[in-house]
Amino acid sequence: HSDYPPEAATYLRDYSDGRYDDDAQIGFIYSSQEARLSEDGHVFYIGRPDVDGIEFAYRRGHPGIWAWYPIDADWVRVAPDIETLERDWFARKLAV
């Protein structure tokens, strides 16, 4: 998995089946079949909140989980790690 940002190791190890939110009816963390690496190899997309085309991702050289906002062409850090992303998602504390 050397093509992936080093920060993605936890996703690849513990989250490759993805995570589904029954209440929201969305797979907010992609399975490994849905996750994808950007063409330049700097971004590994791992999920989505299903709002405005926003996606969650690891960014090479930038710790944490980031949200890509395509409408604003902007990155915002949303969690220090994937475990926190999952916990905050289910606690409805994640703001996107």
C-alpha atoms as a PDB file:
ATOM      1  CA  HIS A   1       0.000   0.000   0.000  1.00  0.00           C
ATOM      2  CA  SER A   2       2.931   2.357  -0.540  1.00  0.00           C
ATOM      3  CA  ASP A   3       0.846   4.330  -3.063  1.00  0.00           C
ATOM      4  CA  TYR A   4      -1.437   5.573  -0.276  1.00  0.00           C
ATOM      5  CA  PRO A   5      -0.678   8.431   2.110  1.00  0.00           C
ATOM      6  CA  PRO A   6       0.881   6.923   5.279  1.00  0.00           C
ATOM      7  CA  GLU A   7      -2.017   8.314   7.322  1.00  0.00           C
ATOM      8  CA  ALA A   8      -4.349   5.884   5.516  1.00  0.00           C
ATOM      9  CA  ALA A   9      -2.899   2.797   7.242  1.00  0.00           C
ATOM     10  CA  THR A  10      -5.691   2.695   9.858  1.00  0.00           C
ATOM     11  CA  TYR A  11      -8.379   2.923   7.174  1.00  0.00           C
ATOM     12  CA  LEU A  12      -6.768   0.133   5.174  1.00  0.00           C
ATOM     13  CA  ARG A  13      -6.419  -2.050   8.282  1.00  0.00           C
ATOM     14  CA  ASP A  14      -9.686  -1.412  10.161  1.00  0.00           C
ATOM     15  CA  TYR A  15     -12.174   0.334   7.874  1.00  0.00           C
ATOM     16  CA  SER A  16     -11.850  -1.329   4.455  1.00  0.00           C
ATOM     17  CA  ASP A  17     -15.412  -2.703   4.787  1.00  0.00           C
ATOM     18  CA  GLY A  18     -16.685   0.867   5.109  1.00  0.00           C
ATOM     19  CA  ARG A  19     -19.221   2.180   7.589  1.00  0.00           C
ATOM     20  CA  TYR A  20     -22.953   2.535   6.998  1.00  0.00           C
ATOM     21  CA  ASP A  21     -25.298   4.820   8.925  1.00  0.00           C
ATOM     22  CA  ASP A  22     -28.740   3.179   9.013  1.00  0.00           C
ATOM     23  CA  ASP A  23     -30.457   6.356  10.243  1.00  0.00           C
ATOM     24  CA  ALA A  24     -28.998   8.556   7.505  1.00  0.00           C
ATOM     25  CA  GLN A  25     -29.174   5.720   4.940  1.00  0.00           C
ATOM     26  CA  ILE A  26     -25.631   6.369   3.718  1.00  0.00           C
ATOM     27  CA  GLY A  27     -22.293   4.651   3.595  1.00  0.00           C
ATOM     28  CA  PHE A  28     -20.367   7.608   5.002  1.00  0.00           C
ATOM     29  CA  ILE A  29     -17.050   5.732   4.987  1.00  0.00           C
ATOM     30  CA  TYR A  30     -16.395   4.007   1.677  1.00  0.00           C
ATOM     31  CA  SER A  31     -15.513   0.355   1.380  1.00  0.00           C
ATOM     32  CA  SER A  32     -12.101  -0.273  -0.152  1.00  0.00           C
ATOM     33  CA  GLN A  33     -13.864  -0.912  -3.482  1.00  0.00           C
ATOM     34  CA  GLU A  34     -15.272   2.644  -3.447  1.00  0.00           C
ATOM     35  CA  ALA A  35     -12.250   4.444  -1.977  1.00  0.00           C
ATOM     36  CA  ARG A  36      -9.933   5.965  -4.539  1.00  0.00           C
ATOM     37  CA  LEU A  37      -6.594   7.668  -4.871  1.00  0.00           C
ATOM     38  CA  SER A  38      -6.321  10.995  -6.699  1.00  0.00           C
ATOM     39  CA  GLU A  39      -4.459  10.985 -10.005  1.00  0.00           C
ATOM     40  CA  ASP A  40      -1.425  12.675  -8.432  1.00  0.00           C
ATOM     41  CA  GLY A  41      -1.453  10.241  -5.486  1.00  0.00           C
ATOM     42  CA  HIS A  42      -1.720  12.980  -2.852  1.00  0.00           C
ATOM     43  CA  VAL A  43      -5.350  12.431  -1.816  1.00  0.00           C
ATOM     44  CA  PHE A  44      -7.090   9.223  -0.758  1.00  0.00           C
ATOM     45  CA  TYR A  45     -10.889   9.651  -0.778  1.00  0.00           C
ATOM     46  CA  ILE A  46     -12.539   7.494   1.899  1.00  0.00           C
ATOM     47  CA  GLY A  47     -16.093   8.713   2.387  1.00  0.00           C
ATOM     48  CA  ARG A  48     -18.808  11.297   2.004  1.00  0.00           C
ATOM     49  CA  PRO A  49     -21.532  13.010   4.010  1.00  0.00           C
ATOM     50  CA  ASP A  50     -23.801  12.989   0.892  1.00  0.00           C
ATOM     51  CA  VAL A  51     -24.024  16.786   0.816  1.00  0.00           C
ATOM     52  CA  ASP A  52     -22.970  19.079  -2.061  1.00  0.00           C
ATOM     53  CA  GLY A  53     -20.434  16.604  -3.459  1.00  0.00           C
ATOM     54  CA  ILE A  54     -18.280  16.854  -0.310  1.00  0.00           C
ATOM     55  CA  GLU A  55     -15.898  13.939   0.285  1.00  0.00           C
ATOM     56  CA  PHE A  56     -13.758  12.842   3.230  1.00  0.00           C
ATOM     57  CA  ALA A  57     -10.112  12.150   2.497  1.00  0.00           C
ATOM     58  CA  TYR A  58      -6.595  11.674   3.723  1.00  0.00           C
ATOM     59  CA  ARG A  59      -4.116  14.184   2.301  1.00  0.00           C
ATOM     60  CA  ARG A  60      -0.458  13.272   1.990  1.00  0.00           C
ATOM     61  CA  GLY A  61       1.559  15.430   4.394  1.00  0.00           C
ATOM     62  CA  HIS A  62      -1.526  16.791   6.192  1.00  0.00           C
ATOM     63  CA  PRO A  63      -2.475  14.855   9.356  1.00  0.00           C
ATOM     64  CA  GLY A  64      -6.095  14.038  10.001  1.00  0.00           C
ATOM     65  CA  ILE A  65      -9.229  13.580   7.956  1.00  0.00           C
ATOM     66  CA  TRP A  66     -10.188  16.373   5.604  1.00  0.00           C
ATOM     67  CA  ALA A  67     -13.385  17.325   3.803  1.00  0.00           C
ATOM     68  CA  TRP A  68     -13.112  18.475   0.189  1.00  0.00           C
ATOM     69  CA  TYR A  69     -15.699  21.113  -0.702  1.00  0.00           C
ATOM     70  CA  PRO A  70     -15.849  21.119  -4.515  1.00  0.00           C
ATOM     71  CA  ILE A  71     -18.172  24.145  -4.694  1.00  0.00           C
ATOM     72  CA  ASP A  72     -15.584  26.282  -2.868  1.00  0.00           C
ATOM     73  CA  ALA A  73     -12.562  24.253  -4.043  1.00  0.00           C
ATOM     74  CA  ASP A  74     -11.462  24.182  -0.401  1.00  0.00           C
ATOM     75  CA  TRP A  75     -10.140  21.666   2.159  1.00  0.00           C
ATOM     76  CA  VAL A  76     -11.311  21.704   5.790  1.00  0.00           C
ATOM     77  CA  ARG A  77      -9.915  19.410   8.500  1.00  0.00           C
ATOM     78  CA  VAL A  78     -12.859  17.610  10.122  1.00  0.00           C
ATOM     79  CA  ALA A  79     -11.200  15.060  12.439  1.00  0.00           C
ATOM     80  CA  PRO A  80      -7.761  14.155  13.792  1.00  0.00           C
ATOM     81  CA  ASP A  81      -8.218  10.510  12.704  1.00  0.00           C
ATOM     82  CA  ILE A  82     -10.746   8.100  11.217  1.00  0.00           C
ATOM     83  CA  GLU A  83     -11.839   6.791  14.617  1.00  0.00           C
ATOM     84  CA  THR A  84     -12.848  10.314  15.637  1.00  0.00           C
ATOM     85  CA  LEU A  85     -14.597  10.836  12.300  1.00  0.00           C
ATOM     86  CA  GLU A  86     -16.695   7.734  12.929  1.00  0.00           C
ATOM     87  CA  ARG A  87     -17.414   8.595  16.575  1.00  0.00           C
ATOM     88  CA  ASP A  88     -18.360  12.203  15.794  1.00  0.00           C
ATOM     89  CA  TRP A  89     -20.504  11.113  12.830  1.00  0.00           C
ATOM     90  CA  PHE A  90     -22.624   8.789  14.958  1.00  0.00           C
ATOM     91  CA  ALA A  91     -22.760  11.328  17.812  1.00  0.00           C
ATOM     92  CA  ARG A  92     -23.998  13.870  15.224  1.00  0.00           C
ATOM     93  CA  LYS A  93     -21.124  16.163  16.181  1.00  0.00           C
ATOM     94  CA  LEU A  94     -19.489  16.277  12.749  1.00  0.00           C
ATOM     95  CA  ALA A  95     -20.129  19.612  11.056  1.00  0.00           C
ATOM     96  CA  VAL A  96     -19.777  19.715   7.280  1.00  0.00           C
END
